[in-house]
């Protein structure tokens, strides 16, 4: 639950009141995004949930768009994992991500923002750099695999990345199916089978 910024609990523990209020606002934003979605979320609602005045929010964020994007950035992203093999990297990375996905508001917040982004260019401008940043560990794992000779040098890494994470989005957002971390292994195996057959790896292997 969001921290009540009017409480002295956070400040007495050594955190400045401004930091306590800031985090309370972000927490409240995530809670409301999960409960009502982007369209119904208002600065007034966030202020009430966080226990602050609207002026406190507007001093930090000019509108709800940057507020929502910063709050979304608080949610777990792909972890930077280097096991020495692409298969090991992907399985560890996606398993950890799915566990976070199922235990945080990410599962409800992400679809809400994705739907809004389609017809809100301003949100897209703010959100897209963050999404690219959140996916950097996955991109790095693919680049390491190319350097090791596991994947072809001319492989379209962005498309390969989409192929790896695509099944998660399809099952969760389009088919409404539950997905569990133990499903990661088969998903990664099938994705890598296709990626590796796309072109020969270094040395003709």
C-alpha atoms as a PDB file:
ATOM      1  CA  UNK A   1       0.000   0.000   0.000  1.00  0.00           C
ATOM      2  CA  UNK A   2       1.111   3.581  -0.522  1.00  0.00           C
ATOM      3  CA  UNK A   3       2.867   5.313   2.332  1.00  0.00           C
ATOM      4  CA  UNK A   4       0.791   8.035   3.965  1.00  0.00           C
ATOM      5  CA  UNK A   5       2.942  11.109   3.470  1.00  0.00           C
ATOM      6  CA  UNK A   6       1.180  12.796   6.361  1.00  0.00           C
ATOM      7  CA  UNK A   7       2.600  10.211   8.730  1.00  0.00           C
ATOM      8  CA  UNK A   8       5.889  10.907  10.496  1.00  0.00           C
ATOM      9  CA  UNK A   9       6.911   7.242  10.316  1.00  0.00           C
ATOM     10  CA  UNK A  10       9.103   7.501   7.215  1.00  0.00           C
ATOM     11  CA  UNK A  11      10.709  10.783   8.196  1.00  0.00           C
ATOM     12  CA  UNK A  12      11.499   9.599  11.720  1.00  0.00           C
ATOM     13  CA  UNK A  13      13.365   6.645  10.251  1.00  0.00           C
ATOM     14  CA  UNK A  14      15.816   9.049   8.638  1.00  0.00           C
ATOM     15  CA  UNK A  15      14.211   9.792   5.271  1.00  0.00           C
ATOM     16  CA  UNK A  16      13.404  13.438   4.489  1.00  0.00           C
ATOM     17  CA  UNK A  17       9.707  14.220   4.328  1.00  0.00           C
ATOM     18  CA  UNK A  18      10.024  15.209   0.645  1.00  0.00           C
ATOM     19  CA  UNK A  19      11.384  11.751  -0.224  1.00  0.00           C
ATOM     20  CA  UNK A  20       8.606  10.071   1.736  1.00  0.00           C
ATOM     21  CA  UNK A  21       5.998  12.120  -0.123  1.00  0.00           C
ATOM     22  CA  UNK A  22       7.654  11.417  -3.468  1.00  0.00           C
ATOM     23  CA  UNK A  23       7.577   7.660  -2.919  1.00  0.00           C
ATOM     24  CA  UNK A  24       4.039   7.797  -1.577  1.00  0.00           C
ATOM     25  CA  UNK A  25       2.919   9.511  -4.778  1.00  0.00           C
ATOM     26  CA  UNK A  26       4.608   6.900  -6.979  1.00  0.00           C
ATOM     27  CA  UNK A  27       3.130   4.059  -4.920  1.00  0.00           C
ATOM     28  CA  UNK A  28      -0.335   5.592  -5.114  1.00  0.00           C
ATOM     29  CA  UNK A  29       0.003   6.034  -8.868  1.00  0.00           C
ATOM     30  CA  UNK A  30       0.853   2.364  -9.359  1.00  0.00           C
ATOM     31  CA  UNK A  31      -2.015   1.266  -7.126  1.00  0.00           C
ATOM     32  CA  UNK A  32      -4.516   3.353  -9.057  1.00  0.00           C
ATOM     33  CA  UNK A  33      -3.134   2.300 -12.434  1.00  0.00           C
ATOM     34  CA  UNK A  34      -3.697  -1.307 -11.395  1.00  0.00           C
ATOM     35  CA  UNK A  35      -7.174  -0.575 -10.060  1.00  0.00           C
ATOM     36  CA  UNK A  36      -8.701   1.841 -12.586  1.00  0.00           C
ATOM     37  CA  UNK A  37      -6.293   2.008 -15.550  1.00  0.00           C
ATOM     38  CA  UNK A  38      -4.602   4.956 -17.204  1.00  0.00           C
ATOM     39  CA  UNK A  39      -7.690   6.715 -18.565  1.00  0.00           C
ATOM     40  CA  UNK A  40      -9.513   6.875 -15.236  1.00  0.00           C
ATOM     41  CA  UNK A  41      -6.448   7.831 -13.214  1.00  0.00           C
ATOM     42  CA  UNK A  42      -6.414  11.479 -12.099  1.00  0.00           C
ATOM     43  CA  UNK A  43      -3.926  13.635 -10.254  1.00  0.00           C
ATOM     44  CA  UNK A  44      -6.670  14.328  -7.714  1.00  0.00           C
ATOM     45  CA  UNK A  45      -7.088  10.616  -7.100  1.00  0.00           C
ATOM     46  CA  UNK A  46      -3.352  10.114  -6.681  1.00  0.00           C
ATOM     47  CA  UNK A  47      -3.126  13.024  -4.261  1.00  0.00           C
ATOM     48  CA  UNK A  48      -5.949  11.635  -2.154  1.00  0.00           C
ATOM     49  CA  UNK A  49      -4.465   8.123  -2.111  1.00  0.00           C
ATOM     50  CA  UNK A  50      -0.979   9.389  -1.272  1.00  0.00           C
ATOM     51  CA  UNK A  51      -2.191  11.781   1.418  1.00  0.00           C
ATOM     52  CA  UNK A  52      -0.711  14.888  -0.218  1.00  0.00           C
ATOM     53  CA  UNK A  53      -2.052  17.999  -1.889  1.00  0.00           C
ATOM     54  CA  UNK A  54      -2.268  18.307  -5.678  1.00  0.00           C
ATOM     55  CA  UNK A  55       0.272  21.133  -5.516  1.00  0.00           C
ATOM     56  CA  UNK A  56       2.813  18.695  -4.086  1.00  0.00           C
ATOM     57  CA  UNK A  57       2.394  16.516  -7.168  1.00  0.00           C
ATOM     58  CA  UNK A  58       2.480  19.360  -9.666  1.00  0.00           C
ATOM     59  CA  UNK A  59       5.705  20.681  -8.146  1.00  0.00           C
ATOM     60  CA  UNK A  60       7.335  17.410  -9.189  1.00  0.00           C
ATOM     61  CA  UNK A  61       5.456  16.460 -12.361  1.00  0.00           C
ATOM     62  CA  UNK A  62       3.769  18.897 -14.806  1.00  0.00           C
ATOM     63  CA  UNK A  63       1.021  16.402 -15.672  1.00  0.00           C
ATOM     64  CA  UNK A  64      -0.051  12.843 -15.064  1.00  0.00           C
ATOM     65  CA  UNK A  65       1.899  11.540 -18.079  1.00  0.00           C
ATOM     66  CA  UNK A  66       5.434  11.926 -16.657  1.00  0.00           C
ATOM     67  CA  UNK A  67       4.112  10.862 -13.260  1.00  0.00           C
ATOM     68  CA  UNK A  68       2.736   7.622 -14.680  1.00  0.00           C
ATOM     69  CA  UNK A  69       5.909   6.906 -16.650  1.00  0.00           C
ATOM     70  CA  UNK A  70       8.145   7.437 -13.619  1.00  0.00           C
ATOM     71  CA  UNK A  71       5.888   5.236 -11.500  1.00  0.00           C
ATOM     72  CA  UNK A  72       5.995   2.513 -14.157  1.00  0.00           C
ATOM     73  CA  UNK A  73       9.783   2.727 -14.080  1.00  0.00           C
ATOM     74  CA  UNK A  74       9.653   1.637 -10.433  1.00  0.00           C
ATOM     75  CA  UNK A  75       8.394  -1.807 -11.467  1.00  0.00           C
ATOM     76  CA  UNK A  76      10.792  -4.731 -12.046  1.00  0.00           C
ATOM     77  CA  UNK A  77      12.419  -5.046 -15.456  1.00  0.00           C
ATOM     78  CA  UNK A  78      14.662  -7.713 -16.980  1.00  0.00           C
ATOM     79  CA  UNK A  79      17.630  -8.483 -14.761  1.00  0.00           C
ATOM     80  CA  UNK A  80      21.173  -8.454 -16.134  1.00  0.00           C
ATOM     81  CA  UNK A  81      22.141 -12.140 -16.147  1.00  0.00           C
ATOM     82  CA  UNK A  82      25.317 -13.636 -17.617  1.00  0.00           C
ATOM     83  CA  UNK A  83      25.536 -17.411 -17.215  1.00  0.00           C
ATOM     84  CA  UNK A  84      27.922 -17.943 -20.109  1.00  0.00           C
ATOM     85  CA  UNK A  85      25.302 -19.283 -22.529  1.00  0.00           C
ATOM     86  CA  UNK A  86      22.333 -17.676 -24.234  1.00  0.00           C
ATOM     87  CA  UNK A  87      20.014 -20.471 -23.130  1.00  0.00           C
ATOM     88  CA  UNK A  88      21.050 -20.041 -19.509  1.00  0.00           C
ATOM     89  CA  UNK A  89      20.769 -16.258 -19.685  1.00  0.00           C
ATOM     90  CA  UNK A  90      17.285 -16.286 -21.181  1.00  0.00           C
ATOM     91  CA  UNK A  91      15.862 -18.929 -18.881  1.00  0.00           C
ATOM     92  CA  UNK A  92      17.173 -17.207 -15.751  1.00  0.00           C
ATOM     93  CA  UNK A  93      16.153 -13.760 -16.973  1.00  0.00           C
ATOM     94  CA  UNK A  94      12.614 -14.678 -18.043  1.00  0.00           C
ATOM     95  CA  UNK A  95      11.950 -16.838 -14.981  1.00  0.00           C
ATOM     96  CA  UNK A  96      12.897 -13.976 -12.675  1.00  0.00           C
ATOM     97  CA  UNK A  97      10.874 -11.504 -14.737  1.00  0.00           C
ATOM     98  CA  UNK A  98       7.747 -13.660 -14.672  1.00  0.00           C
ATOM     99  CA  UNK A  99       7.984 -14.074 -10.920  1.00  0.00           C
ATOM    100  CA  UNK A 100       8.107 -10.294 -10.594  1.00  0.00           C
ATOM    101  CA  UNK A 101       5.318  -9.962 -13.141  1.00  0.00           C
ATOM    102  CA  UNK A 102       3.026 -12.166 -11.092  1.00  0.00           C
ATOM    103  CA  UNK A 103       3.868 -10.593  -7.719  1.00  0.00           C
ATOM    104  CA  UNK A 104       3.707  -6.869  -8.589  1.00  0.00           C
ATOM    105  CA  UNK A 105       1.216  -4.544 -10.338  1.00  0.00           C
ATOM    106  CA  UNK A 106       3.174  -5.051 -13.590  1.00  0.00           C
ATOM    107  CA  UNK A 107       0.629  -7.535 -14.958  1.00  0.00           C
ATOM    108  CA  UNK A 108      -2.149  -4.943 -14.867  1.00  0.00           C
ATOM    109  CA  UNK A 109      -0.211  -1.708 -15.334  1.00  0.00           C
ATOM    110  CA  UNK A 110       1.698  -2.737 -18.453  1.00  0.00           C
ATOM    111  CA  UNK A 111      -1.404  -3.664 -20.536  1.00  0.00           C
ATOM    112  CA  UNK A 112      -3.122  -0.429 -19.518  1.00  0.00           C
ATOM    113  CA  UNK A 113      -0.194   1.674 -20.715  1.00  0.00           C
ATOM    114  CA  UNK A 114       0.268  -0.370 -23.877  1.00  0.00           C
ATOM    115  CA  UNK A 115      -3.376   0.187 -24.829  1.00  0.00           C
ATOM    116  CA  UNK A 116      -3.172   3.920 -24.139  1.00  0.00           C
ATOM    117  CA  UNK A 117       0.082   4.301 -26.042  1.00  0.00           C
ATOM    118  CA  UNK A 118      -1.602   3.329 -29.329  1.00  0.00           C
ATOM    119  CA  UNK A 119      -3.574   6.588 -29.473  1.00  0.00           C
ATOM    120  CA  UNK A 120      -1.521   8.839 -27.202  1.00  0.00           C
ATOM    121  CA  UNK A 121       1.675   9.966 -28.993  1.00  0.00           C
ATOM    122  CA  UNK A 122       2.819  12.033 -26.017  1.00  0.00           C
ATOM    123  CA  UNK A 123       2.726   8.992 -23.770  1.00  0.00           C
ATOM    124  CA  UNK A 124       4.623   7.020 -26.401  1.00  0.00           C
ATOM    125  CA  UNK A 125       7.372   9.655 -26.536  1.00  0.00           C
ATOM    126  CA  UNK A 126       7.884   9.374 -22.794  1.00  0.00           C
ATOM    127  CA  UNK A 127       7.360   5.635 -22.479  1.00  0.00           C
ATOM    128  CA  UNK A 128       9.368   4.271 -25.410  1.00  0.00           C
ATOM    129  CA  UNK A 129      12.846   5.257 -24.104  1.00  0.00           C
ATOM    130  CA  UNK A 130      11.995   3.643 -20.769  1.00  0.00           C
ATOM    131  CA  UNK A 131      10.813   0.447 -22.457  1.00  0.00           C
ATOM    132  CA  UNK A 132      14.032   0.263 -24.465  1.00  0.00           C
ATOM    133  CA  UNK A 133      16.049   0.769 -21.285  1.00  0.00           C
ATOM    134  CA  UNK A 134      14.121  -1.970 -19.475  1.00  0.00           C
ATOM    135  CA  UNK A 135      14.929  -4.420 -22.280  1.00  0.00           C
ATOM    136  CA  UNK A 136      18.656  -3.694 -22.427  1.00  0.00           C
ATOM    137  CA  UNK A 137      19.658  -6.830 -20.464  1.00  0.00           C
ATOM    138  CA  UNK A 138      17.853  -8.992 -23.021  1.00  0.00           C
ATOM    139  CA  UNK A 139      19.532  -7.165 -25.899  1.00  0.00           C
ATOM    140  CA  UNK A 140      22.909  -7.541 -24.169  1.00  0.00           C
ATOM    141  CA  UNK A 141      22.410 -11.295 -23.775  1.00  0.00           C
ATOM    142  CA  UNK A 142      21.759 -11.616 -27.510  1.00  0.00           C
ATOM    143  CA  UNK A 143      24.837  -9.544 -28.384  1.00  0.00           C
ATOM    144  CA  UNK A 144      26.992 -11.733 -26.133  1.00  0.00           C
ATOM    145  CA  UNK A 145      25.604 -14.791 -27.891  1.00  0.00           C
ATOM    146  CA  UNK A 146      26.593 -13.331 -31.258  1.00  0.00           C
ATOM    147  CA  UNK A 147      30.099 -12.596 -29.943  1.00  0.00           C
ATOM    148  CA  UNK A 148      30.411 -16.194 -28.661  1.00  0.00           C
ATOM    149  CA  UNK A 149      29.314 -17.590 -32.021  1.00  0.00           C
ATOM    150  CA  UNK A 150      26.006 -18.958 -30.711  1.00  0.00           C
ATOM    151  CA  UNK A 151      24.050 -16.784 -33.135  1.00  0.00           C
ATOM    152  CA  UNK A 152      24.689 -15.488 -36.634  1.00  0.00           C
ATOM    153  CA  UNK A 153      26.419 -12.129 -36.897  1.00  0.00           C
ATOM    154  CA  UNK A 154      23.756 -10.726 -39.236  1.00  0.00           C
ATOM    155  CA  UNK A 155      20.835 -11.771 -37.035  1.00  0.00           C
ATOM    156  CA  UNK A 156      18.158  -9.103 -36.545  1.00  0.00           C
ATOM    157  CA  UNK A 157      18.546  -8.833 -32.766  1.00  0.00           C
ATOM    158  CA  UNK A 158      15.467  -6.672 -32.250  1.00  0.00           C
ATOM    159  CA  UNK A 159      13.290  -9.199 -34.075  1.00  0.00           C
ATOM    160  CA  UNK A 160      14.906 -12.076 -32.178  1.00  0.00           C
ATOM    161  CA  UNK A 161      14.177 -10.273 -28.911  1.00  0.00           C
ATOM    162  CA  UNK A 162      10.520  -9.869 -29.916  1.00  0.00           C
ATOM    163  CA  UNK A 163      10.334 -13.571 -30.768  1.00  0.00           C
ATOM    164  CA  UNK A 164      11.638 -14.530 -27.330  1.00  0.00           C
ATOM    165  CA  UNK A 165       9.273 -12.379 -25.260  1.00  0.00           C
ATOM    166  CA  UNK A 166       6.334 -12.437 -27.678  1.00  0.00           C
ATOM    167  CA  UNK A 167       4.695 -15.617 -26.325  1.00  0.00           C
ATOM    168  CA  UNK A 168       4.454 -14.052 -22.859  1.00  0.00           C
ATOM    169  CA  UNK A 169       2.587 -11.015 -24.194  1.00  0.00           C
ATOM    170  CA  UNK A 170       0.286 -13.134 -26.368  1.00  0.00           C
ATOM    171  CA  UNK A 171      -0.730 -15.447 -23.543  1.00  0.00           C
ATOM    172  CA  UNK A 172      -1.175 -12.739 -20.931  1.00  0.00           C
ATOM    173  CA  UNK A 173      -2.630  -9.838 -22.893  1.00  0.00           C
ATOM    174  CA  UNK A 174      -4.420 -11.372 -25.865  1.00  0.00           C
ATOM    175  CA  UNK A 175      -5.491 -14.848 -24.774  1.00  0.00           C
ATOM    176  CA  UNK A 176      -5.998 -14.127 -21.081  1.00  0.00           C
ATOM    177  CA  UNK A 177      -4.120 -17.268 -20.115  1.00  0.00           C
ATOM    178  CA  UNK A 178      -2.094 -17.759 -16.976  1.00  0.00           C
ATOM    179  CA  UNK A 179       1.621 -18.182 -17.439  1.00  0.00           C
ATOM    180  CA  UNK A 180       3.950 -19.636 -14.840  1.00  0.00           C
ATOM    181  CA  UNK A 181       7.737 -19.488 -14.480  1.00  0.00           C
ATOM    182  CA  UNK A 182       8.038 -23.224 -15.214  1.00  0.00           C
ATOM    183  CA  UNK A 183       6.786 -22.523 -18.741  1.00  0.00           C
ATOM    184  CA  UNK A 184       9.871 -20.444 -19.517  1.00  0.00           C
ATOM    185  CA  UNK A 185      12.069 -23.439 -20.395  1.00  0.00           C
ATOM    186  CA  UNK A 186       9.930 -24.738 -23.281  1.00  0.00           C
ATOM    187  CA  UNK A 187       9.302 -21.201 -24.549  1.00  0.00           C
ATOM    188  CA  UNK A 188      13.014 -20.399 -24.676  1.00  0.00           C
ATOM    189  CA  UNK A 189      13.868 -23.759 -26.254  1.00  0.00           C
ATOM    190  CA  UNK A 190      11.367 -23.265 -29.083  1.00  0.00           C
ATOM    191  CA  UNK A 191      12.390 -19.653 -29.673  1.00  0.00           C
ATOM    192  CA  UNK A 192      16.091 -20.523 -29.829  1.00  0.00           C
ATOM    193  CA  UNK A 193      15.411 -23.420 -32.185  1.00  0.00           C
ATOM    194  CA  UNK A 194      13.911 -20.960 -34.650  1.00  0.00           C
ATOM    195  CA  UNK A 195      16.524 -18.250 -34.156  1.00  0.00           C
ATOM    196  CA  UNK A 196      19.457 -20.630 -34.573  1.00  0.00           C
ATOM    197  CA  UNK A 197      18.031 -22.112 -37.758  1.00  0.00           C
ATOM    198  CA  UNK A 198      17.582 -18.679 -39.286  1.00  0.00           C
ATOM    199  CA  UNK A 199      21.250 -18.579 -40.348  1.00  0.00           C
ATOM    200  CA  UNK A 200      24.465 -20.515 -39.630  1.00  0.00           C
ATOM    201  CA  UNK A 201      26.508 -19.402 -36.653  1.00  0.00           C
ATOM    202  CA  UNK A 202      30.177 -18.446 -36.794  1.00  0.00           C
ATOM    203  CA  UNK A 203      32.459 -21.028 -38.339  1.00  0.00           C
ATOM    204  CA  UNK A 204      29.566 -22.671 -40.185  1.00  0.00           C
ATOM    205  CA  UNK A 205      28.344 -24.600 -37.111  1.00  0.00           C
END
